[in-house]
Full PDB file with SEQRES, HELIX, SHEET, SSBOND, CRYST1, ORIGX, SCALE, CONECT and MASTER records, all heavy atoms in Angstrom:
SEQRES   1 A   29  TYR PHE MET GLY TRP PHE ARG GLN ALA PRO GLY LYS GLU          
SEQRES   2 A   29  ARG GLU PHE VAL ALA ALA ILE SER TRP SER GLY GLY TRP          
SEQRES   3 A   29  THR TYR TYR                                                  
SHEET    1 AA1 3 MET A   3  ARG A   7  0                                        
SHEET    2 AA1 3 GLU A  15  ILE A  20 -1                                        
SHEET    3 AA1 3 THR A  27  TYR A  28 -1                                        
CRYST1    1.000    1.000    1.000  90.00  90.00  90.00 P 1           1          
ORIGX1      1.000000  0.000000  0.000000        0.00000                         
ORIGX2      0.000000  1.000000  0.000000        0.00000                         
ORIGX3      0.000000  0.000000  1.000000        0.00000                         
SCALE1      1.000000  0.000000  0.000000        0.00000                         
SCALE2      0.000000  1.000000  0.000000        0.00000                         
SCALE3      0.000000  0.000000  1.000000        0.00000                         
ATOM      1  N   TYR A   1     182.171  56.831 187.156  1.00  0.00           N  
ATOM      2  CA  TYR A   1     181.930  55.657 186.326  1.00  0.00           C  
ATOM      3  C   TYR A   1     181.572  56.027 184.896  1.00  0.00           C  
ATOM      4  O   TYR A   1     180.787  56.927 184.640  1.00  0.00           O  
ATOM      5  CB  TYR A   1     180.828  54.793 186.933  1.00  0.00           C  
ATOM      6  CG  TYR A   1     181.289  54.020 188.138  1.00  0.00           C  
ATOM      7  CD1 TYR A   1     181.342  54.616 189.387  1.00  0.00           C  
ATOM      8  CD2 TYR A   1     181.700  52.693 188.019  1.00  0.00           C  
ATOM      9  CE1 TYR A   1     181.796  53.919 190.496  1.00  0.00           C  
ATOM     10  CE2 TYR A   1     182.145  51.986 189.122  1.00  0.00           C  
ATOM     11  CZ  TYR A   1     182.192  52.601 190.355  1.00  0.00           C  
ATOM     12  OH  TYR A   1     182.629  51.905 191.454  1.00  0.00           O  
ATOM     13  N   PHE A   2     182.176  55.299 183.976  1.00  0.00           N  
ATOM     14  CA  PHE A   2     181.841  55.343 182.568  1.00  0.00           C  
ATOM     15  C   PHE A   2     180.636  54.434 182.342  1.00  0.00           C  
ATOM     16  O   PHE A   2     180.588  53.315 182.868  1.00  0.00           O  
ATOM     17  CB  PHE A   2     183.037  54.864 181.747  1.00  0.00           C  
ATOM     18  CG  PHE A   2     182.997  55.234 180.311  1.00  0.00           C  
ATOM     19  CD1 PHE A   2     183.646  56.372 179.848  1.00  0.00           C  
ATOM     20  CD2 PHE A   2     182.336  54.438 179.390  1.00  0.00           C  
ATOM     21  CE1 PHE A   2     183.631  56.706 178.510  1.00  0.00           C  
ATOM     22  CE2 PHE A   2     182.314  54.761 178.049  1.00  0.00           C  
ATOM     23  CZ  PHE A   2     182.963  55.905 177.612  1.00  0.00           C  
ATOM     24  N   MET A   3     179.645  54.890 181.563  1.00  0.00           N  
ATOM     25  CA  MET A   3     178.391  54.159 181.402  1.00  0.00           C  
ATOM     26  C   MET A   3     178.136  53.792 179.947  1.00  0.00           C  
ATOM     27  O   MET A   3     178.470  54.557 179.042  1.00  0.00           O  
ATOM     28  CB  MET A   3     177.211  54.987 181.915  1.00  0.00           C  
ATOM     29  CG  MET A   3     177.301  55.379 183.376  1.00  0.00           C  
ATOM     30  SD  MET A   3     177.148  53.944 184.489  1.00  0.00           S  
ATOM     31  CE  MET A   3     175.496  53.368 184.072  1.00  0.00           C  
ATOM     32  N   GLY A   4     177.523  52.636 179.753  1.00  0.00           N  
ATOM     33  CA  GLY A   4     177.161  52.202 178.414  1.00  0.00           C  
ATOM     34  C   GLY A   4     175.808  51.517 178.382  1.00  0.00           C  
ATOM     35  O   GLY A   4     175.301  51.060 179.412  1.00  0.00           O  
ATOM     36  N   TRP A   5     175.221  51.474 177.201  1.00  0.00           N  
ATOM     37  CA  TRP A   5     174.005  50.711 176.943  1.00  0.00           C  
ATOM     38  C   TRP A   5     174.306  49.642 175.899  1.00  0.00           C  
ATOM     39  O   TRP A   5     174.948  49.925 174.872  1.00  0.00           O  
ATOM     40  CB  TRP A   5     172.861  51.593 176.438  1.00  0.00           C  
ATOM     41  CG  TRP A   5     172.201  52.436 177.488  1.00  0.00           C  
ATOM     42  CD1 TRP A   5     172.459  53.725 177.790  1.00  0.00           C  
ATOM     43  CD2 TRP A   5     171.145  52.025 178.362  1.00  0.00           C  
ATOM     44  NE1 TRP A   5     171.644  54.167 178.796  1.00  0.00           N  
ATOM     45  CE2 TRP A   5     170.818  53.141 179.172  1.00  0.00           C  
ATOM     46  CE3 TRP A   5     170.432  50.835 178.541  1.00  0.00           C  
ATOM     47  CZ2 TRP A   5     169.821  53.088 180.147  1.00  0.00           C  
ATOM     48  CZ3 TRP A   5     169.445  50.789 179.512  1.00  0.00           C  
ATOM     49  CH2 TRP A   5     169.153  51.900 180.292  1.00  0.00           C  
ATOM     50  N   PHE A   6     173.840  48.419 176.166  1.00  0.00           N  
ATOM     51  CA  PHE A   6     173.951  47.300 175.249  1.00  0.00           C  
ATOM     52  C   PHE A   6     172.574  46.697 175.043  1.00  0.00           C  
ATOM     53  O   PHE A   6     171.658  46.920 175.837  1.00  0.00           O  
ATOM     54  CB  PHE A   6     174.909  46.231 175.792  1.00  0.00           C  
ATOM     55  CG  PHE A   6     176.353  46.648 175.812  1.00  0.00           C  
ATOM     56  CD1 PHE A   6     176.837  47.501 176.793  1.00  0.00           C  
ATOM     57  CD2 PHE A   6     177.235  46.176 174.850  1.00  0.00           C  
ATOM     58  CE1 PHE A   6     178.160  47.882 176.817  1.00  0.00           C  
ATOM     59  CE2 PHE A   6     178.567  46.548 174.864  1.00  0.00           C  
ATOM     60  CZ  PHE A   6     179.035  47.402 175.842  1.00  0.00           C  
ATOM     61  N   ARG A   7     172.419  45.903 173.992  1.00  0.00           N  
ATOM     62  CA  ARG A   7     171.171  45.192 173.773  1.00  0.00           C  
ATOM     63  C   ARG A   7     171.464  43.806 173.226  1.00  0.00           C  
ATOM     64  O   ARG A   7     172.501  43.563 172.609  1.00  0.00           O  
ATOM     65  CB  ARG A   7     170.249  45.961 172.818  1.00  0.00           C  
ATOM     66  CG  ARG A   7     170.773  46.091 171.390  1.00  0.00           C  
ATOM     67  CD  ARG A   7     169.884  47.024 170.592  1.00  0.00           C  
ATOM     68  NE  ARG A   7     170.298  47.126 169.202  1.00  0.00           N  
ATOM     69  CZ  ARG A   7     169.763  47.958 168.319  1.00  0.00           C  
ATOM     70  NH1 ARG A   7     168.772  48.775 168.696  1.00  0.00           N  
ATOM     71  NH2 ARG A   7     170.198  47.984 167.071  1.00  0.00           N  
ATOM     72  N   GLN A   8     170.527  42.898 173.457  1.00  0.00           N  
ATOM     73  CA  GLN A   8     170.681  41.532 172.988  1.00  0.00           C  
ATOM     74  C   GLN A   8     169.334  40.999 172.516  1.00  0.00           C  
ATOM     75  O   GLN A   8     168.382  40.923 173.294  1.00  0.00           O  
ATOM     76  CB  GLN A   8     171.254  40.628 174.087  1.00  0.00           C  
ATOM     77  CG  GLN A   8     171.621  39.241 173.603  1.00  0.00           C  
ATOM     78  CD  GLN A   8     172.517  38.513 174.590  1.00  0.00           C  
ATOM     79  OE1 GLN A   8     172.562  38.849 175.774  1.00  0.00           O  
ATOM     80  NE2 GLN A   8     173.240  37.523 174.116  1.00  0.00           N  
ATOM     81  N   ALA A   9     169.271  40.642 171.244  1.00  0.00           N  
ATOM     82  CA  ALA A   9     168.077  40.064 170.645  1.00  0.00           C  
ATOM     83  C   ALA A   9     168.201  38.546 170.629  1.00  0.00           C  
ATOM     84  O   ALA A   9     169.310  38.009 170.684  1.00  0.00           O  
ATOM     85  CB  ALA A   9     167.887  40.595 169.224  1.00  0.00           C  
ATOM     86  N   PRO A  10     167.083  37.826 170.542  1.00  0.00           N  
ATOM     87  CA  PRO A  10     167.145  36.363 170.500  1.00  0.00           C  
ATOM     88  C   PRO A  10     168.035  35.862 169.372  1.00  0.00           C  
ATOM     89  O   PRO A  10     167.920  36.301 168.236  1.00  0.00           O  
ATOM     90  CB  PRO A  10     165.687  35.957 170.275  1.00  0.00           C  
ATOM     91  CG  PRO A  10     164.900  37.081 170.862  1.00  0.00           C  
ATOM     92  CD  PRO A  10     165.699  38.316 170.546  1.00  0.00           C  
ATOM     93  N   GLY A  11     168.935  34.934 169.708  1.00  0.00           N  
ATOM     94  CA  GLY A  11     169.822  34.353 168.719  1.00  0.00           C  
ATOM     95  C   GLY A  11     170.989  35.220 168.311  1.00  0.00           C  
ATOM     96  O   GLY A  11     171.739  34.836 167.405  1.00  0.00           O  
ATOM     97  N   LYS A  12     171.178  36.371 168.956  1.00  0.00           N  
ATOM     98  CA  LYS A  12     172.263  37.269 168.601  1.00  0.00           C  
ATOM     99  C   LYS A  12     173.156  37.553 169.809  1.00  0.00           C  
ATOM    100  O   LYS A  12     172.753  37.379 170.950  1.00  0.00           O  
ATOM    101  CB  LYS A  12     171.715  38.582 168.048  1.00  0.00           C  
ATOM    102  CG  LYS A  12     170.936  38.447 166.747  1.00  0.00           C  
ATOM    103  CD  LYS A  12     170.505  39.803 166.222  1.00  0.00           C  
ATOM    104  CE  LYS A  12     169.765  39.672 164.905  1.00  0.00           C  
ATOM    105  NZ  LYS A  12     169.336  41.010 164.395  1.00  0.00           N  
ATOM    106  N   GLU A  13     174.374  38.000 169.518  1.00  0.00           N  
ATOM    107  CA  GLU A  13     175.297  38.387 170.575  1.00  0.00           C  
ATOM    108  C   GLU A  13     174.902  39.739 171.156  1.00  0.00           C  
ATOM    109  O   GLU A  13     174.179  40.516 170.532  1.00  0.00           O  
ATOM    110  CB  GLU A  13     176.726  38.451 170.035  1.00  0.00           C  
ATOM    111  CG  GLU A  13     177.282  37.124 169.561  1.00  0.00           C  
ATOM    112  CD  GLU A  13     178.707  37.234 169.077  1.00  0.00           C  
ATOM    113  OE1 GLU A  13     179.186  38.373 168.855  1.00  0.00           O  
ATOM    114  OE2 GLU A  13     179.364  36.195 168.926  1.00  0.00           O  
ATOM    115  N   ARG A  14     175.394  40.001 172.363  1.00  0.00           N  
ATOM    116  CA  ARG A  14     175.143  41.292 172.976  1.00  0.00           C  
ATOM    117  C   ARG A  14     175.815  42.393 172.152  1.00  0.00           C  
ATOM    118  O   ARG A  14     177.000  42.311 171.831  1.00  0.00           O  
ATOM    119  CB  ARG A  14     175.652  41.299 174.412  1.00  0.00           C  
ATOM    120  CG  ARG A  14     175.220  42.520 175.212  1.00  0.00           C  
ATOM    121  CD  ARG A  14     175.360  42.273 176.709  1.00  0.00           C  
ATOM    122  NE  ARG A  14     174.472  41.219 177.170  1.00  0.00           N  
ATOM    123  CZ  ARG A  14     174.286  40.903 178.441  1.00  0.00           C  
ATOM    124  NH1 ARG A  14     174.927  41.562 179.397  1.00  0.00           N  
ATOM    125  NH2 ARG A  14     173.469  39.909 178.766  1.00  0.00           N  
ATOM    126  N   GLU A  15     175.056  43.430 171.825  1.00  0.00           N  
ATOM    127  CA  GLU A  15     175.464  44.455 170.881  1.00  0.00           C  
ATOM    128  C   GLU A  15     175.591  45.814 171.565  1.00  0.00           C  
ATOM    129  O   GLU A  15     174.706  46.238 172.309  1.00  0.00           O  
ATOM    130  CB  GLU A  15     174.441  44.536 169.739  1.00  0.00           C  
ATOM    131  CG  GLU A  15     174.680  45.635 168.733  1.00  0.00           C  
ATOM    132  CD  GLU A  15     173.517  45.793 167.771  1.00  0.00           C  
ATOM    133  OE1 GLU A  15     172.397  45.361 168.110  1.00  0.00           O  
ATOM    134  OE2 GLU A  15     173.724  46.348 166.671  1.00  0.00           O  
ATOM    135  N   PHE A  16     176.673  46.505 171.282  1.00  0.00           N  
ATOM    136  CA  PHE A  16     176.875  47.857 171.801  1.00  0.00           C  
ATOM    137  C   PHE A  16     175.875  48.825 171.193  1.00  0.00           C  
ATOM    138  O   PHE A  16     175.586  48.771 169.991  1.00  0.00           O  
ATOM    139  CB  PHE A  16     178.300  48.326 171.490  1.00  0.00           C  
ATOM    140  CG  PHE A  16     178.541  49.766 171.819  1.00  0.00           C  
ATOM    141  CD1 PHE A  16     178.791  50.172 173.121  1.00  0.00           C  
ATOM    142  CD2 PHE A  16     178.524  50.728 170.829  1.00  0.00           C  
ATOM    143  CE1 PHE A  16     179.014  51.500 173.435  1.00  0.00           C  
ATOM    144  CE2 PHE A  16     178.744  52.059 171.120  1.00  0.00           C  
ATOM    145  CZ  PHE A  16     178.993  52.441 172.428  1.00  0.00           C  
ATOM    146  N   VAL A  17     175.351  49.732 172.014  1.00  0.00           N  
ATOM    147  CA  VAL A  17     174.392  50.733 171.559  1.00  0.00           C  
ATOM    148  C   VAL A  17     174.951  52.142 171.711  1.00  0.00           C  
ATOM    149  O   VAL A  17     174.998  52.907 170.749  1.00  0.00           O  
ATOM    150  CB  VAL A  17     173.057  50.619 172.316  1.00  0.00           C  
ATOM    151  CG1 VAL A  17     172.101  51.728 171.886  1.00  0.00           C  
ATOM    152  CG2 VAL A  17     172.428  49.247 172.082  1.00  0.00           C  
ATOM    153  N   ALA A  18     175.370  52.502 172.926  1.00  0.00           N  
ATOM    154  CA  ALA A  18     175.846  53.858 173.188  1.00  0.00           C  
ATOM    155  C   ALA A  18     176.658  53.885 174.469  1.00  0.00           C  
ATOM    156  O   ALA A  18     176.518  53.014 175.323  1.00  0.00           O  
ATOM    157  CB  ALA A  18     174.671  54.836 173.291  1.00  0.00           C  
ATOM    158  N   ALA A  19     177.504  54.904 174.621  1.00  0.00           N  
ATOM    159  CA  ALA A  19     178.300  55.080 175.827  1.00  0.00           C  
ATOM    160  C   ALA A  19     178.451  56.559 176.132  1.00  0.00           C  
ATOM    161  O   ALA A  19     178.337  57.406 175.239  1.00  0.00           O  
ATOM    162  CB  ALA A  19     179.673  54.423 175.677  1.00  0.00           C  
ATOM    163  N   ILE A  20     178.741  56.867 177.393  1.00  0.00           N  
ATOM    164  CA  ILE A  20     178.889  58.244 177.832  1.00  0.00           C  
ATOM    165  C   ILE A  20     179.956  58.321 178.914  1.00  0.00           C  
ATOM    166  O   ILE A  20     180.053  57.451 179.777  1.00  0.00           O  
ATOM    167  CB  ILE A  20     177.534  58.810 178.325  1.00  0.00           C  
ATOM    168  CG1 ILE A  20     177.628  60.311 178.601  1.00  0.00           C  
ATOM    169  CG2 ILE A  20     177.043  58.042 179.548  1.00  0.00           C  
ATOM    170  CD1 ILE A  20     176.261  60.961 178.800  1.00  0.00           C  
ATOM    171  N   SER A  21     180.776  59.374 178.867  1.00  0.00           N  
ATOM    172  CA  SER A  21     181.839  59.555 179.841  1.00  0.00           C  
ATOM    173  C   SER A  21     181.276  59.960 181.194  1.00  0.00           C  
ATOM    174  O   SER A  21     180.100  60.303 181.326  1.00  0.00           O  
ATOM    175  CB  SER A  21     182.832  60.605 179.343  1.00  0.00           C  
ATOM    176  OG  SER A  21     182.207  61.873 179.229  1.00  0.00           O  
ATOM    177  N   TRP A  22     182.129  59.957 182.203  1.00  0.00           N  
ATOM    178  CA  TRP A  22     181.685  60.260 183.568  1.00  0.00           C  
ATOM    179  C   TRP A  22     181.111  61.666 183.696  1.00  0.00           C  
ATOM    180  O   TRP A  22     180.211  61.897 184.511  1.00  0.00           O  
ATOM    181  CB  TRP A  22     182.834  60.070 184.556  1.00  0.00           C  
ATOM    182  CG  TRP A  22     183.974  61.040 184.368  1.00  0.00           C  
ATOM    183  CD1 TRP A  22     185.089  60.854 183.601  1.00  0.00           C  
ATOM    184  CD2 TRP A  22     184.101  62.337 184.954  1.00  0.00           C  
ATOM    185  NE1 TRP A  22     185.906  61.954 183.667  1.00  0.00           N  
ATOM    186  CE2 TRP A  22     185.324  62.874 184.495  1.00  0.00           C  
ATOM    187  CE3 TRP A  22     183.306  63.089 185.829  1.00  0.00           C  
ATOM    188  CZ2 TRP A  22     185.764  64.149 184.879  1.00  0.00           C  
ATOM    189  CZ3 TRP A  22     183.744  64.352 186.203  1.00  0.00           C  
ATOM    190  CH2 TRP A  22     184.962  64.865 185.733  1.00  0.00           C  
ATOM    191  N   SER A  23     181.616  62.606 182.905  1.00  0.00           N  
ATOM    192  CA  SER A  23     181.151  63.986 182.963  1.00  0.00           C  
ATOM    193  C   SER A  23     179.964  64.252 182.041  1.00  0.00           C  
ATOM    194  O   SER A  23     179.321  65.295 182.152  1.00  0.00           O  
ATOM    195  CB  SER A  23     182.285  64.934 182.600  1.00  0.00           C  
ATOM    196  OG  SER A  23     182.653  64.791 181.243  1.00  0.00           O  
ATOM    197  N   GLY A  24     179.693  63.330 181.128  1.00  0.00           N  
ATOM    198  CA  GLY A  24     178.654  63.531 180.135  1.00  0.00           C  
ATOM    199  C   GLY A  24     179.105  64.328 178.930  1.00  0.00           C  
ATOM    200  O   GLY A  24     178.310  64.574 178.016  1.00  0.00           O  
ATOM    201  N   GLY A  25     180.380  64.726 178.904  1.00  0.00           N  
ATOM    202  CA  GLY A  25     180.890  65.557 177.829  1.00  0.00           C  
ATOM    203  C   GLY A  25     181.283  64.811 176.570  1.00  0.00           C  
ATOM    204  O   GLY A  25     181.573  65.447 175.553  1.00  0.00           O  
ATOM    205  N   TRP A  26     181.323  63.519 176.620  1.00  0.00           N  
ATOM    206  CA  TRP A  26     181.702  62.699 175.476  1.00  0.00           C  
ATOM    207  C   TRP A  26     180.719  61.550 175.337  1.00  0.00           C  
ATOM    208  O   TRP A  26     180.405  60.863 176.309  1.00  0.00           O  
ATOM    209  CB  TRP A  26     183.126  62.162 175.663  1.00  0.00           C  
ATOM    210  CG  TRP A  26     183.659  61.398 174.497  1.00  0.00           C  
ATOM    211  CD1 TRP A  26     184.362  61.894 173.440  1.00  0.00           C  
ATOM    212  CD2 TRP A  26     183.532  59.995 174.269  1.00  0.00           C  
ATOM    213  NE1 TRP A  26     184.685  60.889 172.567  1.00  0.00           N  
ATOM    214  CE2 TRP A  26     184.192  59.707 173.048  1.00  0.00           C  
ATOM    215  CE3 TRP A  26     182.934  58.940 174.976  1.00  0.00           C  
ATOM    216  CZ2 TRP A  26     184.262  58.420 172.520  1.00  0.00           C  
ATOM    217  CZ3 TRP A  26     182.994  57.658 174.446  1.00  0.00           C  
ATOM    218  CH2 TRP A  26     183.650  57.411 173.239  1.00  0.00           C  
ATOM    219  N   THR A  27     180.213  61.334 174.128  1.00  0.00           N  
ATOM    220  CA  THR A  27     179.294  60.235 173.833  1.00  0.00           C  
ATOM    221  C   THR A  27     179.725  59.517 172.570  1.00  0.00           C  
ATOM    222  O   THR A  27     180.407  60.084 171.711  1.00  0.00           O  
ATOM    223  CB  THR A  27     177.850  60.723 173.668  1.00  0.00           C  
ATOM    224  OG1 THR A  27     177.789  61.699 172.615  1.00  0.00           O  
ATOM    225  CG2 THR A  27     177.338  61.353 174.958  1.00  0.00           C  
ATOM    226  N   TYR A  28     179.294  58.271 172.457  1.00  0.00           N  
ATOM    227  CA  TYR A  28     179.619  57.458 171.294  1.00  0.00           C  
ATOM    228  C   TYR A  28     178.447  56.544 171.004  1.00  0.00           C  
ATOM    229  O   TYR A  28     177.860  55.960 171.921  1.00  0.00           O  
ATOM    230  CB  TYR A  28     180.890  56.649 171.547  1.00  0.00           C  
ATOM    231  CG  TYR A  28     181.345  55.832 170.364  1.00  0.00           C  
ATOM    232  CD1 TYR A  28     181.983  56.434 169.296  1.00  0.00           C  
ATOM    233  CD2 TYR A  28     181.134  54.457 170.335  1.00  0.00           C  
ATOM    234  CE1 TYR A  28     182.399  55.690 168.207  1.00  0.00           C  
ATOM    235  CE2 TYR A  28     181.545  53.704 169.253  1.00  0.00           C  
ATOM    236  CZ  TYR A  28     182.183  54.325 168.191  1.00  0.00           C  
ATOM    237  OH  TYR A  28     182.597  53.584 167.115  1.00  0.00           O  
ATOM    238  N   TYR A  29     178.107  56.384 169.710  1.00  0.00           N  
ATOM    239  CA  TYR A  29     176.938  55.607 169.314  1.00  0.00           C  
ATOM    240  C   TYR A  29     177.279  54.574 168.253  1.00  0.00           C  
ATOM    241  O   TYR A  29     178.153  54.795 167.401  1.00  0.00           O  
ATOM    242  CB  TYR A  29     175.850  56.516 168.741  1.00  0.00           C  
ATOM    243  CG  TYR A  29     175.308  57.526 169.720  1.00  0.00           C  
ATOM    244  CD1 TYR A  29     175.872  58.791 169.825  1.00  0.00           C  
ATOM    245  CD2 TYR A  29     174.230  57.217 170.543  1.00  0.00           C  
ATOM    246  CE1 TYR A  29     175.378  59.719 170.723  1.00  0.00           C  
ATOM    247  CE2 TYR A  29     173.728  58.137 171.441  1.00  0.00           C  
ATOM    248  CZ  TYR A  29     174.302  59.384 171.525  1.00  0.00           C  
ATOM    249  OH  TYR A  29     173.809  60.307 172.414  1.00  0.00           O  
TER     250      TYR A  29                                                      
MASTER        0    0    0    0    3    0    0    6  249    1    0    3          
END                                                                             
């Protein structure tokens, strides 16, 4: 599984924070 973190503040849309590949060898922020 590919994993990501998102966040959502009051009055705002859900926002991308970070993601990581299944092996952990690739990340994006």
